[in-house]
């Protein structure tokens, strides 16, 4: 068995004595009618992010940078630190949340303890 047997059998071509139109139609009839449909994999939709600009004091920016350096087993950027802060605020009791928000409105900066930064 050679590679010749693997080819698709073509439609018989009429002898040269017939007209050209019949030869063309016979050639077209041998062509595949449809192509195989490609299977599309469903992709997980990517999260959409909205770019925002915040006005933060230099001390708050430094606090965010310090927080991003706390984890030793994984990397985290400033946006992820802010996202984690929002998650932590969402999990707080209402009274504690209001107290924290009031501190933020008054401009108190939450200082990181040195033990938090030095923990491994």
PDB file of N, CA and C in Angstrom:
ATOM      1  N   UNK A   1       0.856  -1.178   0.000  1.00  0.00           N
ATOM      2  CA  UNK A   1       0.000   0.000   0.000  1.00  0.00           C
ATOM      3  C   UNK A   1       0.897   1.234   0.000  1.00  0.00           C
ATOM      4  N   UNK A   2       0.717   2.077  -0.956  1.00  0.00           N
ATOM      5  CA  UNK A   2       1.508   3.292  -1.057  1.00  0.00           C
ATOM      6  C   UNK A   2       0.684   4.510  -0.708  1.00  0.00           C
ATOM      7  N   UNK A   3       1.296   5.657  -0.827  1.00  0.00           N
ATOM      8  CA  UNK A   3       0.601   6.908  -0.533  1.00  0.00           C
ATOM      9  C   UNK A   3      -0.462   7.224  -1.577  1.00  0.00           C
ATOM     10  N   UNK A   4      -0.345   6.598  -2.724  1.00  0.00           N
ATOM     11  CA  UNK A   4      -1.298   6.839  -3.796  1.00  0.00           C
ATOM     12  C   UNK A   4      -2.709   6.445  -3.376  1.00  0.00           C
ATOM     13  N   UNK A   5      -2.815   5.428  -2.535  1.00  0.00           N
ATOM     14  CA  UNK A   5      -4.123   4.937  -2.112  1.00  0.00           C
ATOM     15  C   UNK A   5      -4.807   5.872  -1.121  1.00  0.00           C
ATOM     16  N   UNK A   6      -4.070   6.781  -0.521  1.00  0.00           N
ATOM     17  CA  UNK A   6      -4.641   7.667   0.488  1.00  0.00           C
ATOM     18  C   UNK A   6      -5.342   8.883  -0.111  1.00  0.00           C
ATOM     19  N   UNK A   7      -5.096   9.166  -1.365  1.00  0.00           N
ATOM     20  CA  UNK A   7      -5.723  10.324  -1.988  1.00  0.00           C
ATOM     21  C   UNK A   7      -7.196  10.087  -2.249  1.00  0.00           C
ATOM     22  N   UNK A   8      -7.945  11.206  -2.252  1.00  0.00           N
ATOM     23  CA  UNK A   8      -9.372  11.134  -2.542  1.00  0.00           C
ATOM     24  C   UNK A   8      -9.555  10.777  -4.017  1.00  0.00           C
ATOM     25  N   UNK A   9     -10.471   9.900  -4.256  1.00  0.00           N
ATOM     26  CA  UNK A   9     -10.752   9.513  -5.631  1.00  0.00           C
ATOM     27  C   UNK A   9     -11.440  10.675  -6.340  1.00  0.00           C
ATOM     28  N   UNK A  10     -10.915  11.075  -7.459  1.00  0.00           N
ATOM     29  CA  UNK A  10     -11.497  12.196  -8.193  1.00  0.00           C
ATOM     30  C   UNK A  10     -12.599  11.695  -9.126  1.00  0.00           C
ATOM     31  N   UNK A  11     -13.453  12.648  -9.487  1.00  0.00           N
ATOM     32  CA  UNK A  11     -14.538  12.318 -10.411  1.00  0.00           C
ATOM     33  C   UNK A  11     -13.926  12.039 -11.781  1.00  0.00           C
ATOM     34  N   UNK A  12     -14.509  11.126 -12.502  1.00  0.00           N
ATOM     35  CA  UNK A  12     -13.947  10.819 -13.828  1.00  0.00           C
ATOM     36  C   UNK A  12     -14.031  12.032 -14.755  1.00  0.00           C
ATOM     37  N   UNK A  13     -12.935  12.288 -15.439  1.00  0.00           N
ATOM     38  CA  UNK A  13     -12.887  13.411 -16.386  1.00  0.00           C
ATOM     39  C   UNK A  13     -13.307  12.877 -17.750  1.00  0.00           C
ATOM     40  N   UNK A  14     -14.253  13.584 -18.370  1.00  0.00           N
ATOM     41  CA  UNK A  14     -14.697  13.115 -19.688  1.00  0.00           C
ATOM     42  C   UNK A  14     -13.544  13.172 -20.697  1.00  0.00           C
ATOM     43  N   UNK A  15     -13.603  12.324 -21.694  1.00  0.00           N
ATOM     44  CA  UNK A  15     -12.538  12.333 -22.710  1.00  0.00           C
ATOM     45  C   UNK A  15     -12.461  13.677 -23.429  1.00  0.00           C
ATOM     46  N   UNK A  16     -11.311  13.897 -24.078  1.00  0.00           N
ATOM     47  CA  UNK A  16     -11.070  15.182 -24.740  1.00  0.00           C
ATOM     48  C   UNK A  16     -12.079  15.490 -25.834  1.00  0.00           C
ATOM     49  N   UNK A  17     -12.769  14.514 -26.302  1.00  0.00           N
ATOM     50  CA  UNK A  17     -13.715  14.726 -27.376  1.00  0.00           C
ATOM     51  C   UNK A  17     -14.904  15.570 -26.945  1.00  0.00           C
ATOM     52  N   UNK A  18     -15.240  15.588 -25.646  1.00  0.00           N
ATOM     53  CA  UNK A  18     -16.388  16.366 -25.185  1.00  0.00           C
ATOM     54  C   UNK A  18     -15.990  17.831 -25.060  1.00  0.00           C
ATOM     55  N   UNK A  19     -16.988  18.659 -24.890  1.00  0.00           N
ATOM     56  CA  UNK A  19     -16.700  20.094 -24.833  1.00  0.00           C
ATOM     57  C   UNK A  19     -16.015  20.489 -23.517  1.00  0.00           C
ATOM     58  N   UNK A  20     -15.405  21.643 -23.524  1.00  0.00           N
ATOM     59  CA  UNK A  20     -14.660  22.153 -22.381  1.00  0.00           C
ATOM     60  C   UNK A  20     -15.568  22.386 -21.180  1.00  0.00           C
ATOM     61  N   UNK A  21     -16.780  22.804 -21.398  1.00  0.00           N
ATOM     62  CA  UNK A  21     -17.717  23.093 -20.301  1.00  0.00           C
ATOM     63  C   UNK A  21     -18.003  21.838 -19.485  1.00  0.00           C
ATOM     64  N   UNK A  22     -18.146  20.723 -20.130  1.00  0.00           N
ATOM     65  CA  UNK A  22     -18.403  19.468 -19.424  1.00  0.00           C
ATOM     66  C   UNK A  22     -17.192  19.071 -18.584  1.00  0.00           C
ATOM     67  N   UNK A  23     -15.979  19.312 -19.106  1.00  0.00           N
ATOM     68  CA  UNK A  23     -14.764  19.020 -18.350  1.00  0.00           C
ATOM     69  C   UNK A  23     -14.672  19.912 -17.101  1.00  0.00           C
ATOM     70  N   UNK A  24     -15.028  21.179 -17.255  1.00  0.00           N
ATOM     71  CA  UNK A  24     -14.992  22.117 -16.122  1.00  0.00           C
ATOM     72  C   UNK A  24     -15.990  21.685 -15.060  1.00  0.00           C
ATOM     73  N   UNK A  25     -17.192  21.331 -15.476  1.00  0.00           N
ATOM     74  CA  UNK A  25     -18.219  20.903 -14.527  1.00  0.00           C
ATOM     75  C   UNK A  25     -17.808  19.614 -13.807  1.00  0.00           C
ATOM     76  N   UNK A  26     -17.152  18.721 -14.503  1.00  0.00           N
ATOM     77  CA  UNK A  26     -16.689  17.481 -13.883  1.00  0.00           C
ATOM     78  C   UNK A  26     -15.593  17.777 -12.860  1.00  0.00           C
ATOM     79  N   UNK A  27     -14.724  18.741 -13.182  1.00  0.00           N
ATOM     80  CA  UNK A  27     -13.661  19.126 -12.249  1.00  0.00           C
ATOM     81  C   UNK A  27     -14.250  19.762 -10.990  1.00  0.00           C
ATOM     82  N   UNK A  28     -15.223  20.645 -11.167  1.00  0.00           N
ATOM     83  CA  UNK A  28     -15.862  21.312 -10.032  1.00  0.00           C
ATOM     84  C   UNK A  28     -16.606  20.302  -9.170  1.00  0.00           C
ATOM     85  N   UNK A  29     -17.226  19.332  -9.782  1.00  0.00           N
ATOM     86  CA  UNK A  29     -17.986  18.328  -9.037  1.00  0.00           C
ATOM     87  C   UNK A  29     -17.073  17.501  -8.132  1.00  0.00           C
ATOM     88  N   UNK A  30     -15.804  17.381  -8.487  1.00  0.00           N
ATOM     89  CA  UNK A  30     -14.868  16.613  -7.674  1.00  0.00           C
ATOM     90  C   UNK A  30     -14.343  17.378  -6.471  1.00  0.00           C
ATOM     91  N   UNK A  31     -14.583  18.683  -6.424  1.00  0.00           N
ATOM     92  CA  UNK A  31     -14.091  19.503  -5.308  1.00  0.00           C
ATOM     93  C   UNK A  31     -14.974  19.297  -4.080  1.00  0.00           C
ATOM     94  N   UNK A  32     -14.394  19.412  -2.890  1.00  0.00           N
ATOM     95  CA  UNK A  32     -15.212  19.257  -1.679  1.00  0.00           C
ATOM     96  C   UNK A  32     -16.235  20.380  -1.574  1.00  0.00           C
ATOM     97  N   UNK A  33     -17.420  20.028  -1.113  1.00  0.00           N
ATOM     98  CA  UNK A  33     -18.513  20.986  -1.038  1.00  0.00           C
ATOM     99  C   UNK A  33     -18.379  21.876   0.192  1.00  0.00           C
ATOM    100  N   UNK A  34     -18.031  21.285   1.299  1.00  0.00           N
ATOM    101  CA  UNK A  34     -17.914  22.061   2.531  1.00  0.00           C
ATOM    102  C   UNK A  34     -16.572  21.784   3.190  1.00  0.00           C
ATOM    103  N   UNK A  35     -16.191  22.680   4.043  1.00  0.00           N
ATOM    104  CA  UNK A  35     -14.970  22.485   4.827  1.00  0.00           C
ATOM    105  C   UNK A  35     -15.361  22.061   6.236  1.00  0.00           C
ATOM    106  N   UNK A  36     -14.453  21.425   6.891  1.00  0.00           N
ATOM    107  CA  UNK A  36     -14.718  20.989   8.263  1.00  0.00           C
ATOM    108  C   UNK A  36     -14.784  22.214   9.170  1.00  0.00           C
ATOM    109  N   UNK A  37     -15.784  22.233  10.031  1.00  0.00           N
ATOM    110  CA  UNK A  37     -15.927  23.354  10.952  1.00  0.00           C
ATOM    111  C   UNK A  37     -14.902  23.211  12.061  1.00  0.00           C
ATOM    112  N   UNK A  38     -14.246  24.313  12.350  1.00  0.00           N
ATOM    113  CA  UNK A  38     -13.277  24.274  13.442  1.00  0.00           C
ATOM    114  C   UNK A  38     -14.022  24.380  14.771  1.00  0.00           C
ATOM    115  N   UNK A  39     -13.561  23.625  15.719  1.00  0.00           N
ATOM    116  CA  UNK A  39     -14.191  23.623  17.032  1.00  0.00           C
ATOM    117  C   UNK A  39     -13.616  24.782  17.833  1.00  0.00           C
ATOM    118  N   UNK A  40     -14.479  25.687  18.234  1.00  0.00           N
ATOM    119  CA  UNK A  40     -14.027  26.834  19.011  1.00  0.00           C
ATOM    120  C   UNK A  40     -14.181  26.513  20.485  1.00  0.00           C
ATOM    121  N   UNK A  41     -13.086  26.715  21.216  1.00  0.00           N
ATOM    122  CA  UNK A  41     -13.138  26.497  22.655  1.00  0.00           C
ATOM    123  C   UNK A  41     -13.687  27.741  23.322  1.00  0.00           C
ATOM    124  N   UNK A  42     -14.513  27.520  24.302  1.00  0.00           N
ATOM    125  CA  UNK A  42     -15.045  28.649  25.048  1.00  0.00           C
ATOM    126  C   UNK A  42     -13.959  29.145  25.982  1.00  0.00           C
ATOM    127  N   UNK A  43     -13.659  30.407  25.860  1.00  0.00           N
ATOM    128  CA  UNK A  43     -12.640  30.996  26.712  1.00  0.00           C
ATOM    129  C   UNK A  43     -13.291  31.684  27.893  1.00  0.00           C
ATOM    130  N   UNK A  44     -12.593  31.631  28.981  1.00  0.00           N
ATOM    131  CA  UNK A  44     -13.074  32.304  30.176  1.00  0.00           C
ATOM    132  C   UNK A  44     -13.003  33.808  29.912  1.00  0.00           C
ATOM    133  N   UNK A  45     -14.105  34.518  30.125  1.00  0.00           N
ATOM    134  CA  UNK A  45     -14.068  35.953  29.847  1.00  0.00           C
ATOM    135  C   UNK A  45     -13.075  36.649  30.771  1.00  0.00           C
ATOM    136  N   UNK A  46     -12.299  37.529  30.191  1.00  0.00           N
ATOM    137  CA  UNK A  46     -11.318  38.269  30.972  1.00  0.00           C
ATOM    138  C   UNK A  46     -12.019  39.361  31.762  1.00  0.00           C
ATOM    139  N   UNK A  47     -11.474  39.612  32.920  1.00  0.00           N
ATOM    140  CA  UNK A  47     -12.022  40.684  33.744  1.00  0.00           C
ATOM    141  C   UNK A  47     -11.715  42.020  33.074  1.00  0.00           C
ATOM    142  N   UNK A  48     -12.671  42.890  33.107  1.00  0.00           N
ATOM    143  CA  UNK A  48     -12.450  44.209  32.534  1.00  0.00           C
ATOM    144  C   UNK A  48     -12.134  45.173  33.659  1.00  0.00           C
ATOM    145  N   UNK A  49     -11.125  45.966  33.448  1.00  0.00           N
ATOM    146  CA  UNK A  49     -10.691  46.914  34.456  1.00  0.00           C
ATOM    147  C   UNK A  49     -10.904  48.320  33.940  1.00  0.00           C
ATOM    148  N   UNK A  50     -11.238  49.180  34.842  1.00  0.00           N
ATOM    149  CA  UNK A  50     -11.415  50.584  34.511  1.00  0.00           C
ATOM    150  C   UNK A  50     -10.244  51.341  35.114  1.00  0.00           C
ATOM    151  N   UNK A  51      -9.539  52.078  34.303  1.00  0.00           N
ATOM    152  CA  UNK A  51      -8.387  52.827  34.765  1.00  0.00           C
ATOM    153  C   UNK A  51      -8.874  54.064  35.514  1.00  0.00           C
ATOM    154  N   UNK A  52      -8.410  54.188  36.746  1.00  0.00           N
ATOM    155  CA  UNK A  52      -8.801  55.304  37.595  1.00  0.00           C
ATOM    156  C   UNK A  52      -7.565  56.043  38.077  1.00  0.00           C
ATOM    157  N   UNK A  53      -7.744  57.302  38.404  1.00  0.00           N
ATOM    158  CA  UNK A  53      -6.664  58.106  38.961  1.00  0.00           C
ATOM    159  C   UNK A  53      -7.084  58.570  40.340  1.00  0.00           C
ATOM    160  N   UNK A  54      -6.204  58.350  41.323  1.00  0.00           N
ATOM    161  CA  UNK A  54      -6.476  58.754  42.692  1.00  0.00           C
ATOM    162  C   UNK A  54      -5.471  59.805  43.114  1.00  0.00           C
ATOM    163  N   UNK A  55      -5.913  60.683  43.985  1.00  0.00           N
ATOM    164  CA  UNK A  55      -5.003  61.640  44.603  1.00  0.00           C
ATOM    165  C   UNK A  55      -4.708  61.131  46.005  1.00  0.00           C
ATOM    166  N   UNK A  56      -3.484  60.701  46.222  1.00  0.00           N
ATOM    167  CA  UNK A  56      -3.076  60.167  47.511  1.00  0.00           C
ATOM    168  C   UNK A  56      -1.879  60.960  48.019  1.00  0.00           C
ATOM    169  N   UNK A  57      -1.819  61.066  49.321  1.00  0.00           N
ATOM    170  CA  UNK A  57      -0.652  61.738  49.893  1.00  0.00           C
ATOM    171  C   UNK A  57       0.557  60.818  49.747  1.00  0.00           C
ATOM    172  N   UNK A  58       1.719  61.393  49.920  1.00  0.00           N
ATOM    173  CA  UNK A  58       2.939  60.612  49.770  1.00  0.00           C
ATOM    174  C   UNK A  58       3.031  59.524  50.836  1.00  0.00           C
ATOM    175  N   UNK A  59       2.542  59.826  52.034  1.00  0.00           N
ATOM    176  CA  UNK A  59       2.606  58.822  53.104  1.00  0.00           C
ATOM    177  C   UNK A  59       1.697  57.627  52.797  1.00  0.00           C
ATOM    178  N   UNK A  60       0.535  57.877  52.216  1.00  0.00           N
ATOM    179  CA  UNK A  60      -0.368  56.776  51.857  1.00  0.00           C
ATOM    180  C   UNK A  60       0.250  55.943  50.738  1.00  0.00           C
ATOM    181  N   UNK A  61       0.886  56.605  49.800  1.00  0.00           N
ATOM    182  CA  UNK A  61       1.540  55.885  48.708  1.00  0.00           C
ATOM    183  C   UNK A  61       2.664  55.008  49.259  1.00  0.00           C
ATOM    184  N   UNK A  62       3.401  55.522  50.233  1.00  0.00           N
ATOM    185  CA  UNK A  62       4.469  54.732  50.854  1.00  0.00           C
ATOM    186  C   UNK A  62       3.889  53.548  51.625  1.00  0.00           C
ATOM    187  N   UNK A  63       2.739  53.769  52.290  1.00  0.00           N
ATOM    188  CA  UNK A  63       2.086  52.673  53.008  1.00  0.00           C
ATOM    189  C   UNK A  63       1.654  51.567  52.044  1.00  0.00           C
ATOM    190  N   UNK A  64       1.120  51.949  50.894  1.00  0.00           N
ATOM    191  CA  UNK A  64       0.711  50.960  49.889  1.00  0.00           C
ATOM    192  C   UNK A  64       1.932  50.196  49.388  1.00  0.00           C
ATOM    193  N   UNK A  65       3.032  50.903  49.176  1.00  0.00           N
ATOM    194  CA  UNK A  65       4.262  50.259  48.736  1.00  0.00           C
ATOM    195  C   UNK A  65       4.776  49.284  49.797  1.00  0.00           C
ATOM    196  N   UNK A  66       4.721  49.683  51.075  1.00  0.00           N
ATOM    197  CA  UNK A  66       5.142  48.791  52.166  1.00  0.00           C
ATOM    198  C   UNK A  66       4.258  47.543  52.211  1.00  0.00           C
ATOM    199  N   UNK A  67       2.959  47.740  52.042  1.00  0.00           N
ATOM    200  CA  UNK A  67       2.040  46.593  52.047  1.00  0.00           C
ATOM    201  C   UNK A  67       2.326  45.640  50.889  1.00  0.00           C
ATOM    202  N   UNK A  68       2.727  46.187  49.761  1.00  0.00           N
ATOM    203  CA  UNK A  68       3.009  45.322  48.608  1.00  0.00           C
ATOM    204  C   UNK A  68       4.275  44.500  48.818  1.00  0.00           C
ATOM    205  N   UNK A  69       5.111  44.916  49.768  1.00  0.00           N
ATOM    206  CA  UNK A  69       6.353  44.181  50.037  1.00  0.00           C
ATOM    207  C   UNK A  69       6.215  43.179  51.177  1.00  0.00           C
ATOM    208  N   UNK A  70       5.068  43.133  51.833  1.00  0.00           N
ATOM    209  CA  UNK A  70       4.870  42.219  52.965  1.00  0.00           C
ATOM    210  C   UNK A  70       4.887  40.749  52.541  1.00  0.00           C
ATOM    211  N   UNK A  71       4.154  40.338  51.499  1.00  0.00           N
ATOM    212  CA  UNK A  71       4.138  38.914  51.140  1.00  0.00           C
ATOM    213  C   UNK A  71       5.513  38.439  50.681  1.00  0.00           C
ATOM    214  N   UNK A  72       5.920  37.270  51.159  1.00  0.00           N
ATOM    215  CA  UNK A  72       7.218  36.710  50.773  1.00  0.00           C
ATOM    216  C   UNK A  72       7.064  35.550  49.795  1.00  0.00           C
ATOM    217  N   UNK A  73       5.870  34.985  49.714  1.00  0.00           N
ATOM    218  CA  UNK A  73       5.688  33.802  48.868  1.00  0.00           C
ATOM    219  C   UNK A  73       5.051  34.114  47.521  1.00  0.00           C
ATOM    220  N   UNK A  74       4.605  35.337  47.313  1.00  0.00           N
ATOM    221  CA  UNK A  74       4.008  35.717  46.034  1.00  0.00           C
ATOM    222  C   UNK A  74       4.210  37.212  45.813  1.00  0.00           C
ATOM    223  N   UNK A  75       4.077  37.622  44.574  1.00  0.00           N
ATOM    224  CA  UNK A  75       4.232  39.038  44.229  1.00  0.00           C
ATOM    225  C   UNK A  75       2.861  39.702  44.196  1.00  0.00           C
ATOM    226  N   UNK A  76       2.820  40.950  44.591  1.00  0.00           N
ATOM    227  CA  UNK A  76       1.573  41.717  44.572  1.00  0.00           C
ATOM    228  C   UNK A  76       1.913  43.151  44.181  1.00  0.00           C
ATOM    229  N   UNK A  77       1.096  43.736  43.315  1.00  0.00           N
ATOM    230  CA  UNK A  77       1.355  45.115  42.915  1.00  0.00           C
ATOM    231  C   UNK A  77       0.432  46.068  43.677  1.00  0.00           C
ATOM    232  N   UNK A  78       0.603  47.352  43.439  1.00  0.00           N
ATOM    233  CA  UNK A  78      -0.148  48.364  44.191  1.00  0.00           C
ATOM    234  C   UNK A  78      -1.650  48.253  43.943  1.00  0.00           C
ATOM    235  N   UNK A  79      -2.047  47.973  42.722  1.00  0.00           N
ATOM    236  CA  UNK A  79      -3.478  47.837  42.423  1.00  0.00           C
ATOM    237  C   UNK A  79      -4.084  46.674  43.190  1.00  0.00           C
ATOM    238  N   UNK A  80      -3.341  45.595  43.302  1.00  0.00           N
ATOM    239  CA  UNK A  80      -3.839  44.437  44.036  1.00  0.00           C
ATOM    240  C   UNK A  80      -3.918  44.718  45.530  1.00  0.00           C
ATOM    241  N   UNK A  81      -3.000  45.560  46.048  1.00  0.00           N
ATOM    242  CA  UNK A  81      -3.069  45.958  47.454  1.00  0.00           C
ATOM    243  C   UNK A  81      -4.340  46.759  47.697  1.00  0.00           C
ATOM    244  N   UNK A  82      -4.647  47.684  46.798  1.00  0.00           N
ATOM    245  CA  UNK A  82      -5.868  48.487  46.933  1.00  0.00           C
ATOM    246  C   UNK A  82      -7.094  47.584  46.838  1.00  0.00           C
ATOM    247  N   UNK A  83      -7.080  46.629  45.912  1.00  0.00           N
ATOM    248  CA  UNK A  83      -8.193  45.691  45.767  1.00  0.00           C
ATOM    249  C   UNK A  83      -8.378  44.865  47.041  1.00  0.00           C
ATOM    250  N   UNK A  84      -7.262  44.437  47.642  1.00  0.00           N
ATOM    251  CA  UNK A  84      -7.333  43.677  48.895  1.00  0.00           C
ATOM    252  C   UNK A  84      -7.895  44.545  50.012  1.00  0.00           C
ATOM    253  N   UNK A  85      -7.534  45.826  50.015  1.00  0.00           N
ATOM    254  CA  UNK A  85      -8.083  46.745  51.012  1.00  0.00           C
ATOM    255  C   UNK A  85      -9.584  46.904  50.871  1.00  0.00           C
ATOM    256  N   UNK A  86     -10.054  46.992  49.653  1.00  0.00           N
ATOM    257  CA  UNK A  86     -11.497  47.099  49.414  1.00  0.00           C
ATOM    258  C   UNK A  86     -12.194  45.820  49.882  1.00  0.00           C
ATOM    259  N   UNK A  87     -11.594  44.664  49.590  1.00  0.00           N
ATOM    260  CA  UNK A  87     -12.180  43.400  50.059  1.00  0.00           C
ATOM    261  C   UNK A  87     -12.245  43.353  51.583  1.00  0.00           C
ATOM    262  N   UNK A  88     -11.178  43.824  52.241  1.00  0.00           N
ATOM    263  CA  UNK A  88     -11.162  43.835  53.708  1.00  0.00           C
ATOM    264  C   UNK A  88     -12.232  44.772  54.249  1.00  0.00           C
ATOM    265  N   UNK A  89     -12.424  45.921  53.617  1.00  0.00           N
ATOM    266  CA  UNK A  89     -13.464  46.858  54.048  1.00  0.00           C
ATOM    267  C   UNK A  89     -14.855  46.252  53.869  1.00  0.00           C
ATOM    268  N   UNK A  90     -15.056  45.512  52.796  1.00  0.00           N
ATOM    269  CA  UNK A  90     -16.362  44.905  52.538  1.00  0.00           C
ATOM    270  C   UNK A  90     -16.708  43.835  53.577  1.00  0.00           C
ATOM    271  N   UNK A  91     -15.694  43.213  54.172  1.00  0.00           N
ATOM    272  CA  UNK A  91     -15.930  42.146  55.145  1.00  0.00           C
ATOM    273  C   UNK A  91     -16.096  42.661  56.572  1.00  0.00           C
ATOM    274  N   UNK A  92     -15.850  43.949  56.803  1.00  0.00           N
ATOM    275  CA  UNK A  92     -15.938  44.511  58.158  1.00  0.00           C
ATOM    276  C   UNK A  92     -17.382  44.701  58.596  1.00  0.00           C
ATOM    277  N   UNK A  93     -17.562  44.702  59.918  1.00  0.00           N
ATOM    278  CA  UNK A  93     -18.863  45.062  60.479  1.00  0.00           C
ATOM    279  C   UNK A  93     -19.127  46.529  60.177  1.00  0.00           C
ATOM    280  N   UNK A  94     -20.382  46.887  60.173  1.00  0.00           N
ATOM    281  CA  UNK A  94     -20.755  48.254  59.817  1.00  0.00           C
ATOM    282  C   UNK A  94     -20.129  49.284  60.759  1.00  0.00           C
ATOM    283  N   UNK A  95     -20.117  49.019  62.059  1.00  0.00           N
ATOM    284  CA  UNK A  95     -19.571  49.975  63.024  1.00  0.00           C
ATOM    285  C   UNK A  95     -18.071  50.168  62.818  1.00  0.00           C
ATOM    286  N   UNK A  96     -17.360  49.070  62.606  1.00  0.00           N
ATOM    287  CA  UNK A  96     -15.913  49.156  62.382  1.00  0.00           C
ATOM    288  C   UNK A  96     -15.631  49.858  61.056  1.00  0.00           C
ATOM    289  N   UNK A  97     -16.410  49.541  60.042  1.00  0.00           N
ATOM    290  CA  UNK A  97     -16.251  50.169  58.735  1.00  0.00           C
ATOM    291  C   UNK A  97     -16.428  51.675  58.834  1.00  0.00           C
ATOM    292  N   UNK A  98     -17.479  52.110  59.540  1.00  0.00           N
ATOM    293  CA  UNK A  98     -17.715  53.546  59.686  1.00  0.00           C
ATOM    294  C   UNK A  98     -16.571  54.216  60.437  1.00  0.00           C
ATOM    295  N   UNK A  99     -16.020  53.546  61.436  1.00  0.00           N
ATOM    296  CA  UNK A  99     -14.900  54.117  62.187  1.00  0.00           C
ATOM    297  C   UNK A  99     -13.664  54.262  61.299  1.00  0.00           C
ATOM    298  N   UNK A 100     -13.392  53.261  60.478  1.00  0.00           N
ATOM    299  CA  UNK A 100     -12.236  53.321  59.575  1.00  0.00           C
ATOM    300  C   UNK A 100     -12.433  54.405  58.527  1.00  0.00           C
ATOM    301  N   UNK A 101     -13.630  54.484  57.970  1.00  0.00           N
ATOM    302  CA  UNK A 101     -13.903  55.513  56.961  1.00  0.00           C
ATOM    303  C   UNK A 101     -13.811  56.913  57.564  1.00  0.00           C
ATOM    304  N   UNK A 102     -14.255  57.061  58.805  1.00  0.00           N
ATOM    305  CA  UNK A 102     -14.167  58.361  59.472  1.00  0.00           C
ATOM    306  C   UNK A 102     -12.707  58.754  59.671  1.00  0.00           C
ATOM    307  N   UNK A 103     -11.869  57.780  60.047  1.00  0.00           N
ATOM    308  CA  UNK A 103     -10.435  58.061  60.181  1.00  0.00           C
ATOM    309  C   UNK A 103      -9.847  58.498  58.848  1.00  0.00           C
ATOM    310  N   UNK A 104     -10.288  57.877  57.767  1.00  0.00           N
ATOM    311  CA  UNK A 104      -9.774  58.230  56.445  1.00  0.00           C
ATOM    312  C   UNK A 104     -10.205  59.631  56.047  1.00  0.00           C
ATOM    313  N   UNK A 105     -11.441  59.997  56.385  1.00  0.00           N
ATOM    314  CA  UNK A 105     -11.942  61.333  56.049  1.00  0.00           C
ATOM    315  C   UNK A 105     -11.171  62.399  56.820  1.00  0.00           C
ATOM    316  N   UNK A 106     -10.843  62.096  58.071  1.00  0.00           N
ATOM    317  CA  UNK A 106     -10.115  63.059  58.899  1.00  0.00           C
ATOM    318  C   UNK A 106      -8.647  63.154  58.507  1.00  0.00           C
ATOM    319  N   UNK A 107      -8.194  62.266  57.650  1.00  0.00           N
ATOM    320  CA  UNK A 107      -6.830  62.360  57.154  1.00  0.00           C
ATOM    321  C   UNK A 107      -5.815  61.599  57.962  1.00  0.00           C
ATOM    322  N   UNK A 108      -6.264  60.753  58.867  1.00  0.00           N
ATOM    323  CA  UNK A 108      -5.318  59.969  59.646  1.00  0.00           C
ATOM    324  C   UNK A 108      -4.740  58.875  58.755  1.00  0.00           C
ATOM    325  N   UNK A 109      -3.438  58.751  58.806  1.00  0.00           N
ATOM    326  CA  UNK A 109      -2.778  57.722  58.016  1.00  0.00           C
ATOM    327  C   UNK A 109      -2.569  56.493  58.876  1.00  0.00           C
ATOM    328  N   UNK A 110      -2.919  55.367  58.353  1.00  0.00           N
ATOM    329  CA  UNK A 110      -2.714  54.115  59.082  1.00  0.00           C
ATOM    330  C   UNK A 110      -1.254  53.727  58.933  1.00  0.00           C
ATOM    331  N   UNK A 111      -0.511  53.868  60.017  1.00  0.00           N
ATOM    332  CA  UNK A 111       0.912  53.539  59.978  1.00  0.00           C
ATOM    333  C   UNK A 111       1.085  52.034  60.116  1.00  0.00           C
ATOM    334  N   UNK A 112       1.963  51.487  59.310  1.00  0.00           N
ATOM    335  CA  UNK A 112       2.258  50.063  59.401  1.00  0.00           C
ATOM    336  C   UNK A 112       3.240  49.836  60.534  1.00  0.00           C
ATOM    337  N   UNK A 113       2.986  48.809  61.299  1.00  0.00           N
ATOM    338  CA  UNK A 113       3.934  48.481  62.360  1.00  0.00           C
ATOM    339  C   UNK A 113       5.140  47.796  61.737  1.00  0.00           C
ATOM    340  N   UNK A 114       6.288  47.985  62.344  1.00  0.00           N
ATOM    341  CA  UNK A 114       7.511  47.383  61.823  1.00  0.00           C
ATOM    342  C   UNK A 114       7.437  45.861  61.869  1.00  0.00           C
ATOM    343  N   UNK A 115       6.682  45.316  62.824  1.00  0.00           N
ATOM    344  CA  UNK A 115       6.575  43.858  62.909  1.00  0.00           C
ATOM    345  C   UNK A 115       5.833  43.301  61.709  1.00  0.00           C
ATOM    346  N   UNK A 116       4.877  44.051  61.184  1.00  0.00           N
ATOM    347  CA  UNK A 116       4.119  43.588  60.025  1.00  0.00           C
ATOM    348  C   UNK A 116       5.025  43.524  58.800  1.00  0.00           C
ATOM    349  N   UNK A 117       5.881  44.521  58.637  1.00  0.00           N
ATOM    350  CA  UNK A 117       6.763  44.570  57.479  1.00  0.00           C
ATOM    351  C   UNK A 117       7.862  43.525  57.594  1.00  0.00           C
ATOM    352  N   UNK A 118       8.323  43.248  58.810  1.00  0.00           N
ATOM    353  CA  UNK A 118       9.428  42.318  59.006  1.00  0.00           C
ATOM    354  C   UNK A 118       8.998  40.864  59.042  1.00  0.00           C
ATOM    355  N   UNK A 119       7.696  40.578  59.130  1.00  0.00           N
ATOM    356  CA  UNK A 119       7.226  39.193  59.190  1.00  0.00           C
ATOM    357  C   UNK A 119       7.543  38.462  57.898  1.00  0.00           C
ATOM    358  N   UNK A 120       7.792  37.177  58.029  1.00  0.00           N
ATOM    359  CA  UNK A 120       8.076  36.384  56.825  1.00  0.00           C
ATOM    360  C   UNK A 120       7.022  35.357  56.607  1.00  0.00           C
TER     361      UNK A 120
END
